[in-house]
């Protein structure tokens, strides 16, 4: 049996925030980061809660790659408030932290109803507003822990592109490449199906058409709206199909060397496409064809796609090898076995079209360096 699961109510457009006023709750717990407070973005959210007569607490302690300690602290505060909803405002880190807080709170106190989970993304990248995945970092053991449970899927996603307008080009680029990686890996996943492929295809098209525009001009609101939709659609796709080893490697590079997730995906993706080129050749050719790239054969289609991804990276100042990142070569090689082991244990690896061995991962790491 093949199935497609879509739980989240998605509201988008300039009036989407008004949905907050109609939430059937009295107390909300807002999870965000200091930047959202400093810029005043949080005030937009609070104003709508006030109009709805909804009390709130703001927890703004989320850091990049949220830690277990942060999630634990947020969970305690949420439970103290007897809140009925967790509302995330921010990028993937804030949304992941909010999802983990809601999840652990419901596990700790089973007598209380599961909190309503609302996600308001301010970047076009993770797709976390519609997925069953939350990534938390164990900073003691230097590893990212992907949680995967249907309870982590938000009940409501609010997409307002105005929140993404102030993103610097460097963040727009790497979060956009995260969207592309989600979509390509969802399209080629072992668990891909007709529905996931439709969402992934549109996300891929949108990234190649609108990401360069959003990167060049922060005021191009059409491009920003389309990238926000692409991120959400890619999330819908991979939430059902799973991902692949680009993400598995990126999780380890982030956990050990603190490489931003989207940047790691962007750099590694062309090497993984090459690695999967025999097992997913037909899908890569289809992607090349939908992008009007040369694809007279499966081999040509695959190489055209690799070239297109690298050119997209280069156009936004993203390097095409790990060696160009801020990683010491000796430390990288010293951790190669750890990374390989982490990749084989990572939940995303199961969806990869070609099952890798430890030696395969070591080879990939060497090529990507």
Protein backbone atom coordinates (compact mmCIF):
# COMPACT_ATOMS: atom_id res chain seq x y z
CA UNK A 1 0.00 0.00 0.00
CA UNK A 2 1.15 3.52 -0.81
CA UNK A 3 -0.14 6.46 1.20
CA UNK A 4 0.21 10.23 1.43
CA UNK A 5 -0.44 12.01 4.71
CA UNK A 6 -1.17 15.72 4.99
CA UNK A 7 -2.29 16.98 8.39
CA UNK A 8 -1.35 20.66 8.51
CA UNK A 9 -3.77 23.45 7.68
CA UNK A 10 -1.78 25.91 5.57
CA UNK A 11 -2.68 29.61 5.49
CA UNK A 12 -0.71 31.97 3.29
CA UNK A 13 -0.91 35.53 2.06
CA UNK A 14 -0.88 38.95 3.74
CA UNK A 15 -3.92 38.27 5.95
CA UNK A 16 -2.79 34.84 7.11
CA UNK A 17 -1.71 36.04 10.58
CA UNK A 18 -5.35 36.86 11.38
CA UNK A 19 -5.84 33.12 11.84
CA UNK A 20 -4.14 33.51 15.25
CA UNK A 21 -7.06 35.58 16.51
CA UNK A 22 -9.40 32.62 16.09
CA UNK A 23 -7.35 29.98 17.89
CA UNK A 24 -9.59 28.18 20.44
CA UNK A 25 -7.20 28.79 23.36
CA UNK A 26 -6.70 31.12 26.34
CA UNK A 27 -2.92 30.78 26.84
CA UNK A 28 -0.16 30.49 24.22
CA UNK A 29 3.53 29.69 24.57
CA UNK A 30 5.57 31.47 21.88
CA UNK A 31 8.92 29.94 20.90
CA UNK A 32 11.33 32.18 19.04
CA UNK A 33 14.87 33.57 19.04
CA UNK A 34 16.36 36.90 20.21
CA UNK A 35 16.52 38.28 16.65
CA UNK A 36 12.74 38.04 16.24
CA UNK A 37 12.31 40.08 19.41
CA UNK A 38 14.98 42.62 18.48
CA UNK A 39 13.48 43.27 15.02
CA UNK A 40 9.96 43.61 16.38
CA UNK A 41 8.66 40.69 14.33
CA UNK A 42 7.32 39.14 17.50
CA UNK A 43 5.10 42.20 18.01
CA UNK A 44 3.17 41.40 14.82
CA UNK A 45 2.30 38.01 16.22
CA UNK A 46 1.45 39.29 19.69
CA UNK A 47 -0.87 41.97 18.32
CA UNK A 48 -3.07 39.30 16.75
CA UNK A 49 -3.10 37.23 19.94
CA UNK A 50 -4.15 40.35 21.86
CA UNK A 51 -7.00 40.94 19.43
CA UNK A 52 -8.14 37.38 20.09
CA UNK A 53 -7.91 37.84 23.88
CA UNK A 54 -5.18 35.19 24.14
CA UNK A 55 -2.61 35.44 26.94
CA UNK A 56 0.96 34.53 26.11
CA UNK A 57 4.55 34.01 27.25
CA UNK A 58 7.51 34.59 24.91
CA UNK A 59 10.37 32.10 25.18
CA UNK A 60 13.15 33.62 23.08
CA UNK A 61 16.03 31.41 24.16
CA UNK A 62 16.34 29.40 20.95
CA UNK A 63 19.84 29.31 19.49
CA UNK A 64 20.95 28.05 16.06
CA UNK A 65 20.78 24.24 16.11
CA UNK A 66 18.64 24.13 19.27
CA UNK A 67 20.14 22.10 22.08
CA UNK A 68 18.59 19.51 24.34
CA UNK A 69 19.12 21.94 27.21
CA UNK A 70 17.08 24.66 25.46
CA UNK A 71 14.25 22.25 24.69
CA UNK A 72 14.22 21.01 28.28
CA UNK A 73 14.02 24.56 29.65
CA UNK A 74 11.23 25.47 27.22
CA UNK A 75 9.27 22.35 28.13
CA UNK A 76 9.38 23.21 31.84
CA UNK A 77 8.20 26.77 31.19
CA UNK A 78 5.40 25.61 28.90
CA UNK A 79 4.11 23.21 31.54
CA UNK A 80 4.30 25.88 34.26
CA UNK A 81 2.02 28.13 32.19
CA UNK A 82 -0.61 25.45 31.56
CA UNK A 83 -0.61 26.75 27.98
CA UNK A 84 -2.80 25.17 25.33
CA UNK A 85 -0.74 26.01 22.24
CA UNK A 86 2.88 26.27 21.20
CA UNK A 87 3.47 28.90 18.52
CA UNK A 88 6.82 28.95 16.71
CA UNK A 89 8.09 32.09 15.00
CA UNK A 90 11.43 31.87 13.25
CA UNK A 91 13.56 29.67 11.05
CA UNK A 92 14.07 25.95 11.27
CA UNK A 93 15.72 26.16 14.68
CA UNK A 94 12.79 27.92 16.35
CA UNK A 95 10.25 25.61 14.72
CA UNK A 96 12.23 22.49 15.59
CA UNK A 97 12.55 23.65 19.20
CA UNK A 98 8.82 24.39 19.43
CA UNK A 99 7.92 21.01 18.00
CA UNK A 100 10.22 19.23 20.44
CA UNK A 101 8.82 21.24 23.38
CA UNK A 102 5.23 20.36 22.45
CA UNK A 103 6.19 16.73 21.91
CA UNK A 104 8.04 16.24 25.21
CA UNK A 105 5.41 18.16 27.18
CA UNK A 106 2.70 15.79 25.93
CA UNK A 107 4.88 12.81 26.87
CA UNK A 108 5.64 14.10 30.37
CA UNK A 109 2.01 14.89 31.27
CA UNK A 110 -0.37 12.54 29.47
CA UNK A 111 -3.35 13.88 31.43
CA UNK A 112 -3.29 17.14 29.46
CA UNK A 113 -4.47 17.43 25.86
CA UNK A 114 -1.73 17.62 23.24
CA UNK A 115 -0.96 21.31 22.63
CA UNK A 116 -2.06 22.94 19.40
CA UNK A 117 1.12 23.42 17.39
CA UNK A 118 1.43 26.48 15.13
CA UNK A 119 4.46 27.18 12.93
CA UNK A 120 5.23 30.55 11.33
CA UNK A 121 8.44 30.25 9.28
CA UNK A 122 10.61 33.30 8.68
CA UNK A 123 12.95 31.57 6.25
CA UNK A 124 12.23 29.60 3.09
CA UNK A 125 14.22 26.50 3.79
CA UNK A 126 13.41 23.72 6.22
CA UNK A 127 9.76 22.98 5.47
CA UNK A 128 9.56 22.12 9.15
CA UNK A 129 6.14 23.79 9.36
CA UNK A 130 4.56 20.70 7.76
CA UNK A 131 6.85 17.82 8.72
CA UNK A 132 7.02 15.15 11.40
CA UNK A 133 10.72 15.81 11.98
CA UNK A 134 12.50 17.93 14.55
CA UNK A 135 16.28 18.09 14.78
CA UNK A 136 17.79 18.70 18.22
CA UNK A 137 21.52 18.92 18.91
CA UNK A 138 23.27 16.94 21.61
CA UNK A 139 26.14 19.37 22.13
CA UNK A 140 27.90 17.11 24.61
CA UNK A 141 28.33 14.30 22.09
CA UNK A 142 28.43 16.65 19.05
CA UNK A 143 25.63 14.98 17.13
CA UNK A 144 22.30 16.08 15.72
CA UNK A 145 19.32 13.96 16.76
CA UNK A 146 16.44 13.81 14.25
CA UNK A 147 13.12 13.09 16.01
CA UNK A 148 10.40 11.60 13.84
CA UNK A 149 6.82 11.27 15.05
CA UNK A 150 3.41 12.25 13.68
CA UNK A 151 2.80 14.28 16.85
CA UNK A 152 5.54 16.65 15.65
CA UNK A 153 3.52 17.71 12.61
CA UNK A 154 2.13 21.22 13.21
CA UNK A 155 -1.62 21.66 13.17
CA UNK A 156 -1.37 25.07 11.50
CA UNK A 157 1.27 26.66 9.28
CA UNK A 158 1.09 30.39 8.55
CA UNK A 159 3.12 31.53 5.54
CA UNK A 160 3.71 35.27 5.36
CA UNK A 161 6.54 36.21 2.99
CA UNK A 162 6.96 39.59 4.66
CA UNK A 163 8.82 37.82 7.47
CA UNK A 164 11.48 36.70 4.97
CA UNK A 165 12.05 40.15 3.48
CA UNK A 166 14.92 41.11 5.79
CA UNK A 167 16.91 37.92 5.24
CA UNK A 168 20.43 38.71 4.05
CA UNK A 169 21.43 37.19 0.68
CA UNK A 170 23.75 34.70 2.40
CA UNK A 171 20.83 33.22 4.36
CA UNK A 172 18.43 33.37 1.41
CA UNK A 173 20.90 31.35 -0.65
CA UNK A 174 21.63 28.50 1.76
CA UNK A 175 18.03 28.13 2.95
CA UNK A 176 16.93 28.06 -0.68
CA UNK A 177 19.43 25.32 -1.46
CA UNK A 178 18.03 23.41 1.51
CA UNK A 179 14.64 23.54 -0.24
CA UNK A 180 16.19 22.22 -3.45
CA UNK A 181 17.89 19.38 -1.60
CA UNK A 182 14.63 18.44 0.12
CA UNK A 183 12.82 18.38 -3.21
CA UNK A 184 15.44 16.42 -5.19
CA UNK A 185 15.90 13.85 -2.43
CA UNK A 186 12.13 13.48 -2.03
CA UNK A 187 11.75 13.00 -5.79
CA UNK A 188 14.41 10.26 -5.90
CA UNK A 189 13.62 8.60 -2.57
CA UNK A 190 12.90 4.88 -2.35
CA UNK A 191 9.52 5.84 -0.87
CA UNK A 192 8.57 8.46 -3.46
CA UNK A 193 5.08 8.21 -4.92
CA UNK A 194 2.80 10.07 -7.31
CA UNK A 195 1.77 12.66 -4.73
CA UNK A 196 5.23 13.36 -3.31
CA UNK A 197 6.60 13.69 -6.83
CA UNK A 198 4.08 16.41 -7.71
CA UNK A 199 5.02 18.52 -4.68
CA UNK A 200 8.74 17.92 -5.23
CA UNK A 201 8.55 18.80 -8.93
CA UNK A 202 6.89 22.16 -8.28
CA UNK A 203 9.39 22.94 -5.52
CA UNK A 204 12.32 22.20 -7.84
CA UNK A 205 10.88 24.40 -10.58
CA UNK A 206 10.25 27.25 -8.14
CA UNK A 207 13.77 27.12 -6.69
CA UNK A 208 15.51 27.36 -10.05
CA UNK A 209 13.19 30.17 -11.18
CA UNK A 210 12.77 32.25 -8.03
CA UNK A 211 15.78 31.63 -5.75
CA UNK A 212 18.19 33.70 -7.91
CA UNK A 213 15.65 36.53 -7.90
CA UNK A 214 15.15 36.40 -4.13
CA UNK A 215 18.94 36.30 -3.67
CA UNK A 216 19.52 39.34 -5.88
CA UNK A 217 16.67 41.48 -4.54
CA UNK A 218 15.21 41.21 -1.05
CA UNK A 219 12.23 43.34 -2.13
CA UNK A 220 11.15 40.89 -4.87
CA UNK A 221 8.08 39.74 -2.95
CA UNK A 222 6.81 37.48 -5.73
CA UNK A 223 10.09 35.53 -5.55
CA UNK A 224 9.96 35.40 -1.76
CA UNK A 225 6.36 34.18 -1.75
CA UNK A 226 7.16 31.47 -4.28
CA UNK A 227 10.20 30.34 -2.29
CA UNK A 228 8.10 30.13 0.87
CA UNK A 229 5.59 27.97 -1.00
CA UNK A 230 8.42 25.87 -2.48
CA UNK A 231 9.79 25.25 0.99
CA UNK A 232 6.37 24.14 2.24
CA UNK A 233 5.73 21.91 -0.80
CA UNK A 234 9.14 20.27 -0.48
CA UNK A 235 8.34 19.67 3.19
CA UNK A 236 5.05 18.01 2.27
CA UNK A 237 6.95 15.79 -0.16
CA UNK A 238 9.77 14.61 2.07
CA UNK A 239 7.51 14.24 5.10
CA UNK A 240 5.96 11.34 3.19
CA UNK A 241 8.87 10.09 1.08
CA UNK A 242 11.86 10.61 3.33
CA UNK A 243 15.20 12.06 2.23
CA UNK A 244 18.67 10.72 1.48
CA UNK A 245 22.34 10.78 2.38
CA UNK A 246 22.89 14.43 1.47
CA UNK A 247 20.95 15.20 4.62
CA UNK A 248 22.63 12.43 6.58
CA UNK A 249 26.05 13.88 5.81
CA UNK A 250 24.84 17.43 6.47
CA UNK A 251 23.53 16.41 9.90
CA UNK A 252 26.97 15.12 10.85
CA UNK A 253 28.86 18.10 9.41
CA UNK A 254 26.55 20.36 11.39
CA UNK A 255 26.85 18.42 14.62
CA UNK A 256 30.64 18.14 14.52
CA UNK A 257 31.82 21.24 12.66
CA UNK A 258 28.78 23.53 13.08
CA UNK A 259 28.35 23.98 9.33
CA UNK A 260 24.93 25.57 8.68
CA UNK A 261 22.54 22.87 7.50
CA UNK A 262 21.54 24.45 4.19
CA UNK A 263 25.16 25.24 3.33
CA UNK A 264 26.23 21.66 4.00
CA UNK A 265 23.39 20.37 1.80
CA UNK A 266 24.29 22.75 -1.03
CA UNK A 267 27.94 21.68 -1.07
CA UNK A 268 27.32 17.93 -0.76
CA UNK A 269 24.30 17.59 -3.09
CA UNK A 270 26.17 17.38 -6.45
CA UNK A 271 28.45 14.63 -5.10
CA UNK A 272 25.48 12.61 -3.85
CA UNK A 273 23.71 12.97 -7.20
CA UNK A 274 26.81 11.52 -8.84
CA UNK A 275 26.93 8.72 -6.25
CA UNK A 276 23.27 7.85 -6.93
CA UNK A 277 23.59 8.32 -10.70
CA UNK A 278 23.03 4.67 -11.63
CA UNK A 279 20.17 3.91 -9.24
CA UNK A 280 18.28 7.19 -9.78
CA UNK A 281 19.31 7.98 -13.34
CA UNK A 282 15.75 8.03 -14.67
CA UNK A 283 14.57 10.47 -12.00
CA UNK A 284 17.56 12.76 -12.49
CA UNK A 285 16.88 12.82 -16.20
CA UNK A 286 13.24 13.71 -15.52
CA UNK A 287 14.34 16.60 -13.33
CA UNK A 288 16.73 17.80 -16.03
CA UNK A 289 13.93 17.62 -18.60
CA UNK A 290 11.50 19.60 -16.43
CA UNK A 291 14.20 22.28 -16.14
CA UNK A 292 14.79 22.24 -19.94
CA UNK A 293 18.38 21.06 -19.47
CA UNK A 294 20.18 18.78 -21.97
CA UNK A 295 18.91 15.26 -21.27
CA UNK A 296 19.24 13.20 -24.45
CA UNK A 297 20.20 10.22 -22.29
CA UNK A 298 20.01 9.37 -18.61
CA UNK A 299 23.73 10.04 -18.30
CA UNK A 300 23.47 13.43 -19.95
CA UNK A 301 20.46 14.33 -17.82
CA UNK A 302 22.32 13.48 -14.61
CA UNK A 303 25.41 15.46 -15.58
CA UNK A 304 23.26 18.42 -16.67
CA UNK A 305 21.55 18.44 -13.29
CA UNK A 306 24.88 18.29 -11.42
CA UNK A 307 26.18 21.17 -13.53
CA UNK A 308 23.01 23.21 -12.93
CA UNK A 309 23.19 22.73 -9.16
CA UNK A 310 26.86 23.74 -9.08
CA UNK A 311 26.19 26.80 -11.23
CA UNK A 312 23.33 27.80 -8.95
CA UNK A 313 25.69 27.50 -5.97
CA UNK A 314 28.39 29.53 -7.67
CA UNK A 315 25.95 32.27 -8.68
CA UNK A 316 25.24 32.84 -4.99
CA UNK A 317 28.79 32.54 -3.69
CA UNK A 318 28.37 29.02 -2.28
CA UNK A 319 31.50 26.85 -2.63
CA UNK A 320 31.29 23.48 -4.34
CA UNK A 321 33.57 21.56 -2.02
CA UNK A 322 33.77 20.98 1.72
CA UNK A 323 37.44 22.00 1.72
CA UNK A 324 36.38 25.60 1.04
CA UNK A 325 34.40 25.73 4.29
CA UNK A 326 35.87 26.75 7.64
CA UNK A 327 36.97 23.24 8.58
CA UNK A 328 40.50 22.15 9.41
CA UNK A 329 41.54 19.36 7.05
CA UNK A 330 43.20 17.35 9.82
CA UNK A 331 40.04 17.51 11.96
CA UNK A 332 37.90 16.56 8.96
CA UNK A 333 39.96 13.48 8.20
CA UNK A 334 40.15 12.57 11.87
CA UNK A 335 36.34 12.56 12.05
CA UNK A 336 35.76 10.71 8.77
CA UNK A 337 34.97 7.40 10.46
CA UNK A 338 32.64 9.08 12.93
CA UNK A 339 30.81 10.85 10.11
CA UNK A 340 30.51 7.60 8.15
CA UNK A 341 29.06 5.82 11.18
CA UNK A 342 26.65 8.67 11.84
CA UNK A 343 25.48 8.63 8.22
CA UNK A 344 24.74 4.90 8.30
CA UNK A 345 22.75 5.39 11.52
CA UNK A 346 20.91 8.50 10.32
CA UNK A 347 17.17 8.16 9.73
CA UNK A 348 17.44 9.90 6.33
CA UNK A 349 19.75 7.24 4.85
CA UNK A 350 16.92 4.71 4.52
CA UNK A 351 15.35 6.77 1.72
CA UNK A 352 18.49 7.06 -0.40
CA UNK A 353 18.13 5.32 -3.78
CA UNK A 354 21.53 3.63 -3.34
CA UNK A 355 22.39 2.03 -0.04
CA UNK A 356 25.92 3.11 0.94
CA UNK A 357 28.58 1.22 2.84
CA UNK A 358 30.98 2.84 5.28
CA UNK A 359 33.62 2.75 2.55
CA UNK A 360 31.20 4.50 0.18
CA UNK A 361 30.69 7.32 2.65
CA UNK A 362 34.43 7.65 3.20
CA UNK A 363 34.89 7.89 -0.56
CA UNK A 364 32.15 10.51 -0.84
CA UNK A 365 33.71 12.56 1.94
CA UNK A 366 37.08 12.44 0.19
CA UNK A 367 35.56 13.48 -3.15
CA UNK A 368 33.59 16.30 -1.56
CA UNK A 369 36.63 17.64 0.28
